[in-house]
Amino acid sequence: MKPLNQNRMTPKEKAQYIWMKLFQKQIEVTGSGDGNLCVEMALIAVNEILESFIITIPKHQTEYWEQVKHEITNL
């Protein structure tokens, strides 16, 4: 998958991008891929982004990542 301009991805594109990176790595490491497991891992990653900030992130960024989480659940 060719990297997109990550600064301009829609939440749906970002969800697909994160999922695909995890799926490709899983295939590389294990020889097979489990799409449902990649959804779970992607949700963990996004939750870490949302919960790990020492300072409060701007509302528009929080909303963006919440939309990414929603799109991941639709994969």
N, C-alpha and C. Protein backbone atom coordinates (compact mmCIF):
# COMPACT_ATOMS: atom_id res chain seq x y z
N MET A 1 0.84 -1.18 0.00
CA MET A 1 0.00 0.00 0.00
C MET A 1 0.88 1.23 0.00
N LYS A 2 0.66 2.09 -0.97
CA LYS A 2 1.43 3.33 -1.08
C LYS A 2 0.99 4.28 0.02
N PRO A 3 1.95 4.83 0.79
CA PRO A 3 1.57 5.76 1.85
C PRO A 3 0.86 6.99 1.28
N LEU A 4 -0.21 7.35 1.93
CA LEU A 4 -0.94 8.55 1.55
C LEU A 4 -0.37 9.72 2.33
N ASN A 5 -0.75 10.92 1.95
CA ASN A 5 -0.38 12.09 2.74
C ASN A 5 -1.16 11.99 4.04
N GLN A 6 -0.50 11.55 5.09
CA GLN A 6 -1.19 11.27 6.35
C GLN A 6 -1.78 12.51 6.99
N ASN A 7 -1.33 13.69 6.61
CA ASN A 7 -1.89 14.91 7.18
C ASN A 7 -3.23 15.29 6.55
N ARG A 8 -3.59 14.63 5.47
CA ARG A 8 -4.81 15.00 4.76
C ARG A 8 -5.76 13.82 4.60
N MET A 9 -5.59 12.79 5.39
CA MET A 9 -6.46 11.62 5.29
C MET A 9 -7.79 11.90 5.97
N THR A 10 -8.85 11.39 5.35
CA THR A 10 -10.14 11.41 6.03
C THR A 10 -10.08 10.38 7.16
N PRO A 11 -11.00 10.43 8.11
CA PRO A 11 -11.01 9.39 9.13
C PRO A 11 -11.11 7.98 8.55
N LYS A 12 -11.90 7.82 7.49
CA LYS A 12 -12.04 6.51 6.85
C LYS A 12 -10.71 6.06 6.24
N GLU A 13 -10.03 6.96 5.54
CA GLU A 13 -8.73 6.62 4.95
C GLU A 13 -7.72 6.27 6.03
N LYS A 14 -7.72 7.03 7.12
CA LYS A 14 -6.78 6.77 8.21
C LYS A 14 -7.06 5.41 8.85
N ALA A 15 -8.34 5.09 9.05
CA ALA A 15 -8.71 3.79 9.61
C ALA A 15 -8.22 2.67 8.71
N GLN A 16 -8.45 2.79 7.41
CA GLN A 16 -8.00 1.77 6.46
C GLN A 16 -6.48 1.67 6.43
N TYR A 17 -5.80 2.80 6.52
CA TYR A 17 -4.35 2.83 6.49
C TYR A 17 -3.76 2.12 7.71
N ILE A 18 -4.28 2.44 8.89
CA ILE A 18 -3.79 1.79 10.11
C ILE A 18 -4.06 0.29 10.05
N TRP A 19 -5.28 -0.08 9.66
CA TRP A 19 -5.65 -1.50 9.58
C TRP A 19 -4.73 -2.24 8.61
N MET A 20 -4.49 -1.65 7.45
CA MET A 20 -3.67 -2.32 6.44
C MET A 20 -2.23 -2.50 6.92
N LYS A 21 -1.68 -1.51 7.60
CA LYS A 21 -0.32 -1.64 8.13
C LYS A 21 -0.25 -2.79 9.12
N LEU A 22 -1.24 -2.90 9.99
CA LEU A 22 -1.26 -3.99 10.96
C LEU A 22 -1.45 -5.34 10.26
N PHE A 23 -2.33 -5.39 9.27
CA PHE A 23 -2.59 -6.63 8.54
C PHE A 23 -1.34 -7.10 7.81
N GLN A 24 -0.66 -6.17 7.14
CA GLN A 24 0.56 -6.53 6.42
C GLN A 24 1.64 -7.02 7.36
N LYS A 25 1.79 -6.38 8.52
CA LYS A 25 2.80 -6.80 9.49
C LYS A 25 2.45 -8.18 10.05
N GLN A 26 1.17 -8.42 10.29
CA GLN A 26 0.76 -9.73 10.80
C GLN A 26 1.09 -10.83 9.79
N ILE A 27 0.83 -10.59 8.52
CA ILE A 27 1.17 -11.57 7.49
C ILE A 27 2.67 -11.77 7.43
N GLU A 28 3.42 -10.69 7.50
CA GLU A 28 4.89 -10.77 7.46
C GLU A 28 5.43 -11.62 8.62
N VAL A 29 4.85 -11.44 9.80
CA VAL A 29 5.36 -12.12 11.00
C VAL A 29 4.83 -13.55 11.12
N THR A 30 3.55 -13.75 10.83
CA THR A 30 2.94 -15.06 11.09
C THR A 30 2.66 -15.89 9.85
N GLY A 31 2.68 -15.25 8.69
CA GLY A 31 2.37 -15.96 7.46
C GLY A 31 0.89 -15.97 7.12
N SER A 32 0.06 -15.42 8.00
CA SER A 32 -1.37 -15.31 7.72
C SER A 32 -1.90 -14.05 8.38
N GLY A 33 -3.10 -13.67 7.99
CA GLY A 33 -3.68 -12.46 8.55
C GLY A 33 -5.08 -12.70 9.06
N ASP A 34 -5.42 -12.05 10.15
CA ASP A 34 -6.75 -12.12 10.74
C ASP A 34 -7.29 -10.69 10.80
N GLY A 35 -8.20 -10.37 9.90
CA GLY A 35 -8.73 -9.02 9.81
C GLY A 35 -9.40 -8.55 11.09
N ASN A 36 -10.11 -9.44 11.77
CA ASN A 36 -10.78 -9.05 13.02
C ASN A 36 -9.77 -8.71 14.11
N LEU A 37 -8.69 -9.46 14.17
CA LEU A 37 -7.64 -9.15 15.14
C LEU A 37 -7.01 -7.80 14.83
N CYS A 38 -6.83 -7.49 13.56
CA CYS A 38 -6.27 -6.20 13.18
C CYS A 38 -7.19 -5.05 13.55
N VAL A 39 -8.50 -5.27 13.48
CA VAL A 39 -9.45 -4.25 13.93
C VAL A 39 -9.24 -3.99 15.42
N GLU A 40 -9.12 -5.05 16.20
CA GLU A 40 -8.92 -4.90 17.64
C GLU A 40 -7.60 -4.18 17.94
N MET A 41 -6.55 -4.53 17.23
CA MET A 41 -5.25 -3.88 17.44
C MET A 41 -5.30 -2.42 17.03
N ALA A 42 -6.00 -2.11 15.94
CA ALA A 42 -6.12 -0.73 15.49
C ALA A 42 -6.88 0.12 16.52
N LEU A 43 -7.92 -0.46 17.11
CA LEU A 43 -8.67 0.26 18.14
C LEU A 43 -7.80 0.52 19.37
N ILE A 44 -6.97 -0.44 19.73
CA ILE A 44 -6.05 -0.24 20.84
C ILE A 44 -5.10 0.92 20.53
N ALA A 45 -4.58 0.95 19.31
CA ALA A 45 -3.64 2.00 18.92
C ALA A 45 -4.31 3.38 18.99
N VAL A 46 -5.51 3.50 18.47
CA VAL A 46 -6.21 4.79 18.47
C VAL A 46 -6.56 5.19 19.90
N ASN A 47 -6.98 4.24 20.72
CA ASN A 47 -7.26 4.56 22.12
C ASN A 47 -6.01 5.08 22.82
N GLU A 48 -4.86 4.52 22.51
CA GLU A 48 -3.61 5.00 23.09
C GLU A 48 -3.33 6.44 22.66
N ILE A 49 -3.61 6.75 21.41
CA ILE A 49 -3.42 8.12 20.93
C ILE A 49 -4.32 9.07 21.72
N LEU A 50 -5.57 8.68 21.90
CA LEU A 50 -6.52 9.55 22.59
C LEU A 50 -6.25 9.68 24.09
N GLU A 51 -5.71 8.64 24.69
CA GLU A 51 -5.56 8.63 26.15
C GLU A 51 -4.17 8.97 26.64
N SER A 52 -3.20 9.08 25.76
CA SER A 52 -1.82 9.22 26.22
C SER A 52 -1.31 10.66 26.25
N PHE A 53 -2.12 11.61 25.85
CA PHE A 53 -1.65 12.98 25.83
C PHE A 53 -1.58 13.54 27.25
N ILE A 54 -0.45 14.14 27.57
CA ILE A 54 -0.28 14.78 28.87
C ILE A 54 -1.09 16.08 28.90
N ILE A 55 -1.12 16.74 27.76
CA ILE A 55 -1.93 17.95 27.66
C ILE A 55 -3.21 17.61 26.90
N THR A 56 -4.18 18.45 27.01
CA THR A 56 -5.44 18.22 26.31
C THR A 56 -5.24 18.54 24.83
N ILE A 57 -5.63 17.61 23.98
CA ILE A 57 -5.53 17.88 22.55
C ILE A 57 -6.77 18.67 22.11
N PRO A 58 -6.62 19.46 21.07
CA PRO A 58 -7.76 20.26 20.60
C PRO A 58 -8.96 19.38 20.25
N LYS A 59 -10.12 19.95 20.45
CA LYS A 59 -11.37 19.21 20.23
C LYS A 59 -11.45 18.63 18.82
N HIS A 60 -11.01 19.38 17.81
CA HIS A 60 -11.11 18.88 16.44
C HIS A 60 -10.23 17.65 16.24
N GLN A 61 -9.11 17.57 16.95
CA GLN A 61 -8.26 16.39 16.83
C GLN A 61 -8.89 15.20 17.55
N THR A 62 -9.47 15.46 18.71
CA THR A 62 -10.17 14.38 19.42
C THR A 62 -11.32 13.85 18.57
N GLU A 63 -12.07 14.75 17.97
CA GLU A 63 -13.19 14.34 17.12
C GLU A 63 -12.69 13.53 15.92
N TYR A 64 -11.57 13.94 15.33
CA TYR A 64 -11.00 13.21 14.20
C TYR A 64 -10.69 11.77 14.60
N TRP A 65 -9.99 11.60 15.73
CA TRP A 65 -9.60 10.25 16.16
C TRP A 65 -10.81 9.42 16.59
N GLU A 66 -11.83 10.05 17.14
CA GLU A 66 -13.06 9.32 17.46
C GLU A 66 -13.73 8.84 16.17
N GLN A 67 -13.67 9.66 15.13
CA GLN A 67 -14.22 9.24 13.83
C GLN A 67 -13.39 8.10 13.24
N VAL A 68 -12.08 8.16 13.41
CA VAL A 68 -11.21 7.07 12.95
C VAL A 68 -11.62 5.78 13.66
N LYS A 69 -11.82 5.83 14.98
CA LYS A 69 -12.26 4.64 15.73
C LYS A 69 -13.56 4.10 15.16
N HIS A 70 -14.50 4.99 14.86
CA HIS A 70 -15.78 4.56 14.29
C HIS A 70 -15.56 3.85 12.95
N GLU A 71 -14.72 4.41 12.12
CA GLU A 71 -14.45 3.81 10.81
C GLU A 71 -13.74 2.46 10.96
N ILE A 72 -12.88 2.33 11.95
CA ILE A 72 -12.21 1.04 12.17
C ILE A 72 -13.24 -0.03 12.50
N THR A 73 -14.22 0.31 13.31
CA THR A 73 -15.23 -0.69 13.67
C THR A 73 -16.06 -1.10 12.47
N ASN A 74 -16.06 -0.29 11.42
CA ASN A 74 -16.80 -0.63 10.20
C ASN A 74 -15.99 -1.49 9.23
N LEU A 75 -14.72 -1.72 9.52
CA LEU A 75 -13.89 -2.52 8.61
C LEU A 75 -14.21 -4.00 8.72
